């Protein structure tokens, strides 16, 4: 079966801002099967354990749709890098995954955790025969908006969840996934620990404490800078870092590609650069020899840093957040 075309994630997010709040509540959970042990004998409890796989709960996914899912899902398929990141952070090994954003393989930062897991397609482009072969009892479909694909997935298992609304940040999304797999407490603890680590790291940056950081993805047709609520930007703000005035804009996406004449918009005390495609990588390499690029303050000061676009330019997840935090610390602590 051929791969389905991938939705344009950024455009879809912008178009759906008006309804995003409806999906922002994190997969609200209500019991569908009884969980009470009150008054039960040990034999009753044993019987209940034997039938755990038949117990279900109802959650509202990120679109507000009520979905009945297993109370204890055992065979999870993830269709986005973010979903994969989330379940791995909760010590759950899925039975099927997709390749990373802009990649033909799982993302490098998760590679050691997914060895041996079957790949069922590219990001948001599942090959249905491979999904069927994985025998999922729960499919985490990320920010999938293709209703035809969702219909096919729900024919494989009705327990198919859209886990991200257009405006959801990684923490809200992660709590939703944690809720759906009965690990909300673990998700909350991870977030609390991450926030504490980010704050502490920001206090230890010496002369770079509170520095202005420019966060840029280089596309084949030029650079885009990330808005304040975009994933990697959020980690910077948690650390007490600042954004250049030209980039200090609320929003959870990136700008359209800029022309070389507007390259000054990407300057800052520090410049963090990523790419997502080989064409973008080539374009960045080409521009690095041009005077306009060499005149950027961050470049002249040796403070332009190349980072992994498959982590920095995504919607993010808990493990990715720790990678980005580590990248900031490595760069900003070195000077």
Protein backbone atom coordinates (compact mmCIF):
# COMPACT_ATOMS: atom_id res chain seq x y z
CA UNK A 1 0.00 0.00 0.00
CA UNK A 2 1.28 3.44 -0.84
CA UNK A 3 1.94 6.13 1.70
CA UNK A 4 -0.73 8.77 2.26
CA UNK A 5 0.28 12.36 1.67
CA UNK A 6 1.39 14.23 4.78
CA UNK A 7 -0.66 17.23 5.95
CA UNK A 8 1.11 20.59 6.14
CA UNK A 9 1.53 20.82 9.88
CA UNK A 10 2.31 24.53 10.18
CA UNK A 11 -0.44 25.69 7.84
CA UNK A 12 -2.95 23.47 9.56
CA UNK A 13 -2.02 24.84 12.96
CA UNK A 14 -2.49 28.41 11.81
CA UNK A 15 -5.83 27.65 10.15
CA UNK A 16 -7.14 25.92 13.25
CA UNK A 17 -6.25 28.49 15.92
CA UNK A 18 -9.90 29.42 16.43
CA UNK A 19 -10.82 25.90 17.49
CA UNK A 20 -7.59 24.93 19.22
CA UNK A 21 -8.92 25.69 22.68
CA UNK A 22 -11.58 23.03 22.24
CA UNK A 23 -8.90 20.38 21.99
CA UNK A 24 -6.55 21.79 24.58
CA UNK A 25 -8.00 19.77 27.46
CA UNK A 26 -5.75 16.76 27.86
CA UNK A 27 -7.55 13.59 26.81
CA UNK A 28 -10.04 13.84 29.65
CA UNK A 29 -10.52 10.44 31.22
CA UNK A 30 -13.71 8.83 32.51
CA UNK A 31 -14.18 5.27 33.64
CA UNK A 32 -16.14 2.99 31.35
CA UNK A 33 -15.44 -0.30 33.11
CA UNK A 34 -15.59 -0.57 36.90
CA UNK A 35 -12.24 -0.30 38.66
CA UNK A 36 -13.45 -0.55 42.23
CA UNK A 37 -12.03 -3.32 44.44
CA UNK A 38 -14.32 -2.46 47.34
CA UNK A 39 -15.89 -5.55 48.86
CA UNK A 40 -14.17 -7.90 46.45
CA UNK A 41 -12.68 -11.20 47.54
CA UNK A 42 -9.20 -12.22 46.47
CA UNK A 43 -10.81 -14.55 43.94
CA UNK A 44 -12.81 -11.68 42.52
CA UNK A 45 -9.65 -9.62 42.19
CA UNK A 46 -7.86 -12.45 40.43
CA UNK A 47 -10.74 -12.75 38.02
CA UNK A 48 -10.61 -9.05 37.42
CA UNK A 49 -6.90 -9.23 36.65
CA UNK A 50 -7.56 -12.01 34.15
CA UNK A 51 -10.11 -9.86 32.36
CA UNK A 52 -8.08 -6.64 32.46
CA UNK A 53 -7.67 -6.68 28.72
CA UNK A 54 -11.44 -6.42 28.31
CA UNK A 55 -11.72 -3.34 30.53
CA UNK A 56 -12.08 -0.05 28.71
CA UNK A 57 -12.15 3.62 29.47
CA UNK A 58 -13.38 6.58 27.50
CA UNK A 59 -11.12 9.51 26.76
CA UNK A 60 -11.69 12.71 24.86
CA UNK A 61 -8.94 13.14 22.35
CA UNK A 62 -7.36 16.44 21.33
CA UNK A 63 -10.27 17.19 18.99
CA UNK A 64 -12.85 16.61 21.72
CA UNK A 65 -13.95 13.27 20.27
CA UNK A 66 -14.89 10.62 22.86
CA UNK A 67 -12.94 7.42 22.18
CA UNK A 68 -13.17 4.10 24.00
CA UNK A 69 -9.72 2.66 24.61
CA UNK A 70 -8.28 -0.28 26.57
CA UNK A 71 -7.84 0.43 30.26
CA UNK A 72 -4.36 -1.07 30.00
CA UNK A 73 -3.19 -0.86 26.37
CA UNK A 74 -0.53 -3.42 25.50
CA UNK A 75 0.11 -2.89 21.80
CA UNK A 76 0.56 0.79 20.99
CA UNK A 77 1.38 2.16 17.55
CA UNK A 78 2.67 5.74 17.33
CA UNK A 79 2.31 7.74 14.12
CA UNK A 80 4.43 10.76 15.02
CA UNK A 81 7.84 11.39 16.49
CA UNK A 82 6.16 13.27 19.34
CA UNK A 83 3.93 10.31 20.27
CA UNK A 84 6.93 8.00 20.17
CA UNK A 85 8.94 10.38 22.37
CA UNK A 86 6.08 10.55 24.88
CA UNK A 87 5.54 6.81 25.32
CA UNK A 88 9.26 6.12 25.55
CA UNK A 89 9.55 8.76 28.27
CA UNK A 90 6.88 6.80 30.14
CA UNK A 91 8.85 3.54 29.77
CA UNK A 92 6.41 2.10 27.24
CA UNK A 93 7.77 0.29 24.18
CA UNK A 94 5.38 0.56 21.23
CA UNK A 95 4.88 -2.22 18.69
CA UNK A 96 4.91 0.09 15.68
CA UNK A 97 6.44 3.50 14.95
CA UNK A 98 7.00 5.92 12.07
CA UNK A 99 10.15 7.56 10.80
CA UNK A 100 11.17 10.92 12.22
CA UNK A 101 10.28 14.33 10.82
CA UNK A 102 12.09 14.88 7.54
CA UNK A 103 13.80 11.49 7.90
CA UNK A 104 13.66 8.03 6.34
CA UNK A 105 14.44 6.43 9.68
CA UNK A 106 13.55 7.01 13.33
CA UNK A 107 15.12 10.15 14.85
CA UNK A 108 18.70 9.70 15.99
CA UNK A 109 18.03 10.87 19.54
CA UNK A 110 15.61 7.96 20.03
CA UNK A 111 17.48 5.36 17.95
CA UNK A 112 18.85 3.35 20.86
CA UNK A 113 15.36 3.06 22.36
CA UNK A 114 13.54 1.82 19.26
CA UNK A 115 15.89 -0.86 17.98
CA UNK A 116 13.86 -3.83 16.78
CA UNK A 117 10.52 -2.00 16.64
CA UNK A 118 8.72 -2.27 13.31
CA UNK A 119 8.41 0.92 11.25
CA UNK A 120 4.88 1.27 9.83
CA UNK A 121 5.44 4.30 7.60
CA UNK A 122 6.65 7.87 7.57
CA UNK A 123 5.50 10.66 9.85
CA UNK A 124 1.68 10.85 9.62
CA UNK A 125 1.87 8.58 6.55
CA UNK A 126 1.06 5.09 7.80
CA UNK A 127 1.17 2.10 5.48
CA UNK A 128 -2.10 0.47 6.50
CA UNK A 129 -0.98 -3.12 5.87
CA UNK A 130 1.94 -2.56 8.24
CA UNK A 131 -0.32 -1.03 10.88
CA UNK A 132 -2.63 -4.05 10.62
CA UNK A 133 0.33 -6.40 11.00
CA UNK A 134 1.31 -4.67 14.25
CA UNK A 135 -2.07 -5.68 15.77
CA UNK A 136 -2.47 -2.46 17.76
CA UNK A 137 -4.97 -2.08 20.57
CA UNK A 138 -4.24 1.68 20.68
CA UNK A 139 -3.07 4.03 17.92
CA UNK A 140 -1.67 7.43 18.85
CA UNK A 141 -2.20 9.56 15.75
CA UNK A 142 -0.52 12.82 16.76
CA UNK A 143 -1.92 15.84 14.96
CA UNK A 144 -3.40 13.79 12.12
CA UNK A 145 -6.10 15.80 10.33
CA UNK A 146 -6.70 13.63 7.27
CA UNK A 147 -10.17 12.23 7.95
CA UNK A 148 -9.78 9.51 5.32
CA UNK A 149 -6.63 8.21 7.00
CA UNK A 150 -8.28 8.42 10.42
CA UNK A 151 -11.23 6.42 9.10
CA UNK A 152 -8.90 3.68 7.88
CA UNK A 153 -7.07 3.65 11.21
CA UNK A 154 -10.33 3.37 13.13
CA UNK A 155 -11.25 0.38 11.02
CA UNK A 156 -8.07 -1.27 12.28
CA UNK A 157 -8.91 -0.29 15.87
CA UNK A 158 -11.55 2.16 17.07
CA UNK A 159 -9.05 3.05 19.82
CA UNK A 160 -7.34 5.66 17.63
CA UNK A 161 -6.54 8.96 19.32
CA UNK A 162 -5.62 12.33 17.85
CA UNK A 163 -3.22 13.41 20.58
CA UNK A 164 -2.35 16.99 19.58
CA UNK A 165 -4.53 20.01 18.87
CA UNK A 166 -2.99 22.72 16.67
CA UNK A 167 -2.02 24.99 19.56
CA UNK A 168 -1.02 22.35 22.12
CA UNK A 169 2.50 22.62 23.52
CA UNK A 170 4.51 19.52 24.35
CA UNK A 171 3.59 19.54 28.02
CA UNK A 172 -0.15 19.60 27.40
CA UNK A 173 0.21 16.92 24.75
CA UNK A 174 2.44 14.78 27.01
CA UNK A 175 -0.03 14.96 29.88
CA UNK A 176 -2.73 13.81 27.49
CA UNK A 177 -0.72 10.80 26.38
CA UNK A 178 0.16 10.04 30.00
CA UNK A 179 -3.50 10.19 30.89
CA UNK A 180 -4.47 7.86 28.05
CA UNK A 181 -1.93 5.20 29.07
CA UNK A 182 -2.59 5.50 32.83
CA UNK A 183 0.68 7.26 33.58
CA UNK A 184 -0.40 10.84 34.16
CA UNK A 185 1.47 11.05 37.47
CA UNK A 186 4.68 9.97 35.75
CA UNK A 187 4.15 12.54 32.99
CA UNK A 188 3.58 15.31 35.53
CA UNK A 189 6.73 14.32 37.43
CA UNK A 190 8.79 14.36 34.24
CA UNK A 191 7.56 17.86 33.43
CA UNK A 192 8.22 19.13 36.95
CA UNK A 193 11.74 17.68 36.91
CA UNK A 194 12.44 19.16 33.47
CA UNK A 195 11.26 22.63 34.48
CA UNK A 196 13.42 22.54 37.61
CA UNK A 197 16.44 21.40 35.59
CA UNK A 198 15.90 24.14 32.99
CA UNK A 199 15.63 26.85 35.63
CA UNK A 200 18.72 25.61 37.45
CA UNK A 201 20.70 25.37 34.21
CA UNK A 202 19.78 28.91 33.25
CA UNK A 203 21.17 30.20 36.53
CA UNK A 204 24.56 28.61 35.83
CA UNK A 205 25.33 30.14 32.43
CA UNK A 206 27.69 32.82 33.72
CA UNK A 207 27.96 35.73 31.31
CA UNK A 208 25.42 34.03 29.02
CA UNK A 209 22.71 34.11 31.65
CA UNK A 210 19.71 35.81 30.04
CA UNK A 211 21.39 35.90 26.62
CA UNK A 212 19.35 36.54 23.48
CA UNK A 213 19.04 33.36 21.45
CA UNK A 214 17.91 33.26 17.83
CA UNK A 215 16.32 29.94 16.86
CA UNK A 216 16.30 29.32 13.13
CA UNK A 217 15.47 26.57 10.68
CA UNK A 218 17.16 26.95 7.30
CA UNK A 219 14.88 25.93 4.46
CA UNK A 220 15.82 25.48 0.79
CA UNK A 221 14.45 28.99 0.11
CA UNK A 222 15.86 30.72 3.17
CA UNK A 223 15.70 30.92 6.98
CA UNK A 224 12.65 30.86 9.24
CA UNK A 225 12.82 31.90 12.87
CA UNK A 226 10.76 30.26 15.61
CA UNK A 227 8.04 32.04 17.54
CA UNK A 228 8.03 32.16 21.34
CA UNK A 229 5.65 29.26 21.90
CA UNK A 230 7.40 26.98 19.47
CA UNK A 231 8.99 24.02 21.22
CA UNK A 232 12.70 24.95 21.32
CA UNK A 233 11.80 28.57 22.07
CA UNK A 234 9.82 27.44 25.09
CA UNK A 235 12.82 25.60 26.50
CA UNK A 236 14.92 28.76 26.10
CA UNK A 237 12.37 30.83 28.01
CA UNK A 238 12.26 28.22 30.79
CA UNK A 239 15.99 28.82 31.22
CA UNK A 240 15.51 32.57 31.50
CA UNK A 241 17.00 33.17 28.06
CA UNK A 242 15.56 35.90 25.85
CA UNK A 243 14.64 36.24 22.21
CA UNK A 244 15.90 38.99 19.91
CA UNK A 245 13.40 41.84 19.64
CA UNK A 246 12.58 40.90 16.04
CA UNK A 247 11.67 37.36 17.18
CA UNK A 248 9.86 38.19 20.42
CA UNK A 249 6.46 37.20 19.04
CA UNK A 250 3.81 34.97 20.57
CA UNK A 251 2.94 32.02 18.40
CA UNK A 252 3.71 28.32 18.20
CA UNK A 253 5.13 27.99 14.70
CA UNK A 254 7.81 29.50 12.49
CA UNK A 255 7.82 32.40 10.07
CA UNK A 256 7.79 32.08 6.30
CA UNK A 257 11.26 31.81 4.78
CA UNK A 258 13.10 35.12 4.74
CA UNK A 259 15.03 36.60 1.85
CA UNK A 260 18.74 37.29 2.20
CA UNK A 261 17.88 41.00 2.43
CA UNK A 262 16.12 40.31 5.75
CA UNK A 263 18.80 38.08 7.20
CA UNK A 264 19.41 40.51 10.07
CA UNK A 265 16.13 39.26 11.59
CA UNK A 266 17.87 36.03 12.54
CA UNK A 267 20.73 37.66 14.44
CA UNK A 268 21.12 37.45 18.22
CA UNK A 269 23.74 36.99 20.89
CA UNK A 270 23.60 33.33 19.93
CA UNK A 271 22.28 31.75 16.74
CA UNK A 272 20.99 28.17 16.82
CA UNK A 273 20.63 26.80 13.29
CA UNK A 274 18.92 23.63 12.12
CA UNK A 275 17.77 22.05 8.87
CA UNK A 276 15.20 19.36 8.09
CA UNK A 277 16.09 18.37 4.54
CA UNK A 278 19.19 17.82 2.45
CA UNK A 279 18.14 20.77 0.29
CA UNK A 280 17.92 22.96 3.39
CA UNK A 281 21.34 21.76 4.49
CA UNK A 282 22.79 22.64 1.09
CA UNK A 283 21.18 26.09 1.18
CA UNK A 284 22.67 26.76 4.61
CA UNK A 285 26.10 25.64 3.49
CA UNK A 286 25.87 27.90 0.44
CA UNK A 287 24.83 30.99 2.42
CA UNK A 288 27.60 30.55 4.97
CA UNK A 289 30.09 31.78 2.37
CA UNK A 290 28.13 34.97 1.63
CA UNK A 291 29.05 38.34 3.19
CA UNK A 292 25.53 38.94 4.53
CA UNK A 293 25.76 35.80 6.65
CA UNK A 294 29.32 36.46 7.76
CA UNK A 295 28.30 39.92 8.98
CA UNK A 296 25.78 38.56 11.50
CA UNK A 297 26.93 39.39 15.02
CA UNK A 298 26.54 35.84 16.29
CA UNK A 299 28.59 34.53 13.37
CA UNK A 300 31.38 37.09 13.81
CA UNK A 301 31.55 36.24 17.52
CA UNK A 302 31.74 32.51 16.89
CA UNK A 303 28.36 32.00 18.50
CA UNK A 304 26.45 30.30 15.68
CA UNK A 305 25.64 26.70 16.59
CA UNK A 306 24.27 23.95 14.34
CA UNK A 307 21.71 21.68 16.03
CA UNK A 308 19.56 18.71 15.01
CA UNK A 309 16.50 19.92 13.13
CA UNK A 310 14.67 16.63 13.70
CA UNK A 311 14.63 17.61 17.38
CA UNK A 312 14.61 21.41 17.39
CA UNK A 313 12.16 21.99 14.54
CA UNK A 314 9.44 19.63 15.71
CA UNK A 315 6.47 20.14 18.01
CA UNK A 316 8.55 18.53 20.71
CA UNK A 317 8.24 15.95 23.42
CA UNK A 318 9.66 15.23 26.85
CA UNK A 319 12.84 13.49 25.71
CA UNK A 320 13.37 16.05 22.96
CA UNK A 321 12.99 18.83 25.54
CA UNK A 322 15.85 17.38 27.53
CA UNK A 323 17.97 17.13 24.35
CA UNK A 324 17.34 20.80 23.54
CA UNK A 325 18.12 21.78 27.12
CA UNK A 326 21.40 19.88 26.88
CA UNK A 327 22.26 21.61 23.61
CA UNK A 328 21.70 25.04 25.15
CA UNK A 329 23.80 24.17 28.17
CA UNK A 330 26.65 22.76 26.06
CA UNK A 331 26.83 25.85 23.86
CA UNK A 332 26.22 28.59 26.41
CA UNK A 333 28.43 27.11 29.12
CA UNK A 334 31.41 26.89 26.79
CA UNK A 335 32.04 30.65 26.73
